[in-house]
Amino acid sequence: MHRAATRQRKQSILRRLITPAIAIAALGYFGFHAMSGELGMVGRALIESQVSELEAELAQVSAERRELVSRVSLLRPESLDPDMLDERARLHLNLVHGDELVVLRPGHQYGVN
């Protein structure tokens, strides 16, 4: 009978460290991007601040729109407001009545829209 000789090799230190080093590198990569990536923790704070700014702008624009809609409704033929018509005509035609007092403010452009 022939006895099989098994030869055991002692694993080198480098071979033992390859798997943990790869795992640590992968965890570091994903951890870095989870914190500072575009959609990470830092990115989320930026997105939330943009959302709050845009919501404030939306509220302002919505209020302006409501005001414009109400003013336009006053100019419709079925609900024409004579004061609104007079105001718009004077603004665009740059006209005043003879008995009115006009106060010009410096820095304003009059009759230009």
C-alpha atoms as a PDB file:
ATOM      1  CA  MET A   1       0.000   0.000   0.000  1.00  0.00           C
ATOM      2  CA  HIS A   2       1.147   3.391  -0.949  1.00  0.00           C
ATOM      3  CA  ARG A   3       0.644   6.065   1.555  1.00  0.00           C
ATOM      4  CA  ALA A   4      -0.492   9.385   0.124  1.00  0.00           C
ATOM      5  CA  ALA A   5       1.456  12.183   1.474  1.00  0.00           C
ATOM      6  CA  THR A   6      -0.506  15.330   1.980  1.00  0.00           C
ATOM      7  CA  ARG A   7       1.368  18.445   2.018  1.00  0.00           C
ATOM      8  CA  GLN A   8      -0.169  21.257   3.951  1.00  0.00           C
ATOM      9  CA  ARG A   9       0.742  24.707   2.931  1.00  0.00           C
ATOM     10  CA  LYS A  10       0.801  27.431   5.428  1.00  0.00           C
ATOM     11  CA  GLN A  11      -1.387  30.297   4.164  1.00  0.00           C
ATOM     12  CA  SER A  12       0.484  33.499   3.794  1.00  0.00           C
ATOM     13  CA  ILE A  13      -0.622  36.610   5.629  1.00  0.00           C
ATOM     14  CA  LEU A  14      -1.498  38.322   2.341  1.00  0.00           C
ATOM     15  CA  ARG A  15      -3.886  35.537   1.357  1.00  0.00           C
ATOM     16  CA  ARG A  16      -5.665  35.782   4.661  1.00  0.00           C
ATOM     17  CA  LEU A  17      -6.120  39.544   4.334  1.00  0.00           C
ATOM     18  CA  ILE A  18      -7.465  39.654   0.752  1.00  0.00           C
ATOM     19  CA  THR A  19     -11.117  38.879   1.585  1.00  0.00           C
ATOM     20  CA  PRO A  20     -11.373  41.242   4.573  1.00  0.00           C
ATOM     21  CA  ALA A  21      -9.580  43.982   2.596  1.00  0.00           C
ATOM     22  CA  ILE A  22     -12.055  43.646  -0.297  1.00  0.00           C
ATOM     23  CA  ALA A  23     -14.988  43.677   2.145  1.00  0.00           C
ATOM     24  CA  ILE A  24     -13.664  46.769   3.925  1.00  0.00           C
ATOM     25  CA  ALA A  25     -13.084  48.538   0.594  1.00  0.00           C
ATOM     26  CA  ALA A  26     -16.643  47.743  -0.564  1.00  0.00           C
ATOM     27  CA  LEU A  27     -18.128  48.911   2.739  1.00  0.00           C
ATOM     28  CA  GLY A  28     -16.047  52.086   2.592  1.00  0.00           C
ATOM     29  CA  TYR A  29     -17.134  52.790  -0.967  1.00  0.00           C
ATOM     30  CA  PHE A  30     -20.834  52.326  -0.250  1.00  0.00           C
ATOM     31  CA  GLY A  31     -20.582  54.112   3.092  1.00  0.00           C
ATOM     32  CA  PHE A  32     -18.915  57.125   1.488  1.00  0.00           C
ATOM     33  CA  HIS A  33     -21.608  57.382  -1.180  1.00  0.00           C
ATOM     34  CA  ALA A  34     -24.387  56.858   1.370  1.00  0.00           C
ATOM     35  CA  MET A  35     -23.125  59.903   3.257  1.00  0.00           C
ATOM     36  CA  SER A  36     -21.926  62.303   0.583  1.00  0.00           C
ATOM     37  CA  GLY A  37     -23.491  61.052  -2.627  1.00  0.00           C
ATOM     38  CA  GLU A  38     -26.086  63.020  -4.578  1.00  0.00           C
ATOM     39  CA  LEU A  39     -28.883  61.169  -2.787  1.00  0.00           C
ATOM     40  CA  GLY A  40     -26.970  60.563   0.453  1.00  0.00           C
ATOM     41  CA  MET A  41     -27.340  62.229   3.831  1.00  0.00           C
ATOM     42  CA  VAL A  42     -25.693  65.499   2.770  1.00  0.00           C
ATOM     43  CA  GLY A  43     -27.547  65.487  -0.560  1.00  0.00           C
ATOM     44  CA  ARG A  44     -30.829  64.896   1.225  1.00  0.00           C
ATOM     45  CA  ALA A  45     -30.350  68.028   3.328  1.00  0.00           C
ATOM     46  CA  LEU A  46     -29.710  70.036   0.152  1.00  0.00           C
ATOM     47  CA  ILE A  47     -32.795  68.563  -1.503  1.00  0.00           C
ATOM     48  CA  GLU A  48     -34.935  69.356   1.566  1.00  0.00           C
ATOM     49  CA  SER A  49     -33.713  72.973   1.592  1.00  0.00           C
ATOM     50  CA  GLN A  50     -34.502  73.263  -2.130  1.00  0.00           C
ATOM     51  CA  VAL A  51     -37.960  71.833  -1.507  1.00  0.00           C
ATOM     52  CA  SER A  52     -38.680  74.403   1.202  1.00  0.00           C
ATOM     53  CA  GLU A  53     -37.440  77.256  -1.033  1.00  0.00           C
ATOM     54  CA  LEU A  54     -39.549  76.023  -3.945  1.00  0.00           C
ATOM     55  CA  GLU A  55     -42.626  75.653  -1.724  1.00  0.00           C
ATOM     56  CA  ALA A  56     -42.217  79.275  -0.587  1.00  0.00           C
ATOM     57  CA  GLU A  57     -41.842  80.379  -4.209  1.00  0.00           C
ATOM     58  CA  LEU A  58     -44.914  78.332  -5.152  1.00  0.00           C
ATOM     59  CA  ALA A  59     -46.956  80.046  -2.434  1.00  0.00           C
ATOM     60  CA  GLN A  60     -45.843  83.472  -3.673  1.00  0.00           C
ATOM     61  CA  VAL A  61     -46.565  82.662  -7.323  1.00  0.00           C
ATOM     62  CA  SER A  62     -49.940  81.155  -6.410  1.00  0.00           C
ATOM     63  CA  ALA A  63     -50.892  84.336  -4.539  1.00  0.00           C
ATOM     64  CA  GLU A  64     -49.837  86.453  -7.520  1.00  0.00           C
ATOM     65  CA  ARG A  65     -51.849  84.208  -9.827  1.00  0.00           C
ATOM     66  CA  ARG A  66     -54.960  84.482  -7.644  1.00  0.00           C
ATOM     67  CA  GLU A  67     -54.620  88.272  -7.668  1.00  0.00           C
ATOM     68  CA  LEU A  68     -54.225  88.343 -11.449  1.00  0.00           C
ATOM     69  CA  VAL A  69     -57.209  86.025 -11.947  1.00  0.00           C
ATOM     70  CA  SER A  70     -59.369  88.272  -9.786  1.00  0.00           C
ATOM     71  CA  ARG A  71     -58.225  91.358 -11.694  1.00  0.00           C
ATOM     72  CA  VAL A  72     -58.839  89.712 -15.060  1.00  0.00           C
ATOM     73  CA  SER A  73     -62.308  88.647 -13.951  1.00  0.00           C
ATOM     74  CA  LEU A  74     -63.079  92.341 -13.359  1.00  0.00           C
ATOM     75  CA  LEU A  75     -62.253  93.037 -17.024  1.00  0.00           C
ATOM     76  CA  ARG A  76     -64.603  90.398 -18.441  1.00  0.00           C
ATOM     77  CA  PRO A  77     -67.578  91.824 -20.358  1.00  0.00           C
ATOM     78  CA  GLU A  78     -70.165  90.211 -18.041  1.00  0.00           C
ATOM     79  CA  SER A  79     -68.583  91.760 -14.939  1.00  0.00           C
ATOM     80  CA  LEU A  80     -66.792  94.828 -16.265  1.00  0.00           C
ATOM     81  CA  ASP A  81     -65.753  97.161 -13.478  1.00  0.00           C
ATOM     82  CA  PRO A  82     -65.621 100.779 -14.710  1.00  0.00           C
ATOM     83  CA  ASP A  83     -62.921 101.714 -12.192  1.00  0.00           C
ATOM     84  CA  MET A  84     -60.685  98.852 -13.356  1.00  0.00           C
ATOM     85  CA  LEU A  85     -61.231  99.797 -16.997  1.00  0.00           C
ATOM     86  CA  ASP A  86     -60.409 103.432 -16.221  1.00  0.00           C
ATOM     87  CA  GLU A  87     -57.258 102.437 -14.307  1.00  0.00           C
ATOM     88  CA  ARG A  88     -55.946 100.217 -17.107  1.00  0.00           C
ATOM     89  CA  ALA A  89     -56.740 102.774 -19.820  1.00  0.00           C
ATOM     90  CA  ARG A  90     -54.955 105.561 -17.938  1.00  0.00           C
ATOM     91  CA  LEU A  91     -51.920 103.381 -17.295  1.00  0.00           C
ATOM     92  CA  HIS A  92     -51.521 102.272 -20.905  1.00  0.00           C
ATOM     93  CA  LEU A  93     -52.470 105.569 -22.552  1.00  0.00           C
ATOM     94  CA  ASN A  94     -50.618 107.717 -19.999  1.00  0.00           C
ATOM     95  CA  LEU A  95     -53.609 110.018 -19.526  1.00  0.00           C
ATOM     96  CA  VAL A  96     -55.010 111.996 -16.599  1.00  0.00           C
ATOM     97  CA  HIS A  97     -58.020 114.257 -16.069  1.00  0.00           C
ATOM     98  CA  GLY A  98     -57.491 117.987 -16.024  1.00  0.00           C
ATOM     99  CA  ASP A  99     -58.489 118.329 -12.371  1.00  0.00           C
ATOM    100  CA  GLU A 100     -56.170 115.565 -11.080  1.00  0.00           C
ATOM    101  CA  LEU A 101     -52.842 116.052  -9.354  1.00  0.00           C
ATOM    102  CA  VAL A 102     -49.959 113.900 -10.674  1.00  0.00           C
ATOM    103  CA  VAL A 103     -47.066 113.014  -8.359  1.00  0.00           C
ATOM    104  CA  LEU A 104     -43.984 111.746 -10.197  1.00  0.00           C
ATOM    105  CA  ARG A 105     -41.564 109.657  -8.209  1.00  0.00           C
ATOM    106  CA  PRO A 106     -37.883 109.628  -9.182  1.00  0.00           C
ATOM    107  CA  GLY A 107     -36.565 106.372 -10.574  1.00  0.00           C
ATOM    108  CA  HIS A 108     -39.881 105.179 -11.997  1.00  0.00           C
ATOM    109  CA  GLN A 109     -40.612 104.784 -15.678  1.00  0.00           C
ATOM    110  CA  TYR A 110     -44.060 106.101 -16.414  1.00  0.00           C
ATOM    111  CA  GLY A 111     -46.223 104.845 -19.233  1.00  0.00           C
ATOM    112  CA  VAL A 112     -43.894 101.882 -19.989  1.00  0.00           C
ATOM    113  CA  ASN A 113     -45.151  98.345 -19.421  1.00  0.00           C
END
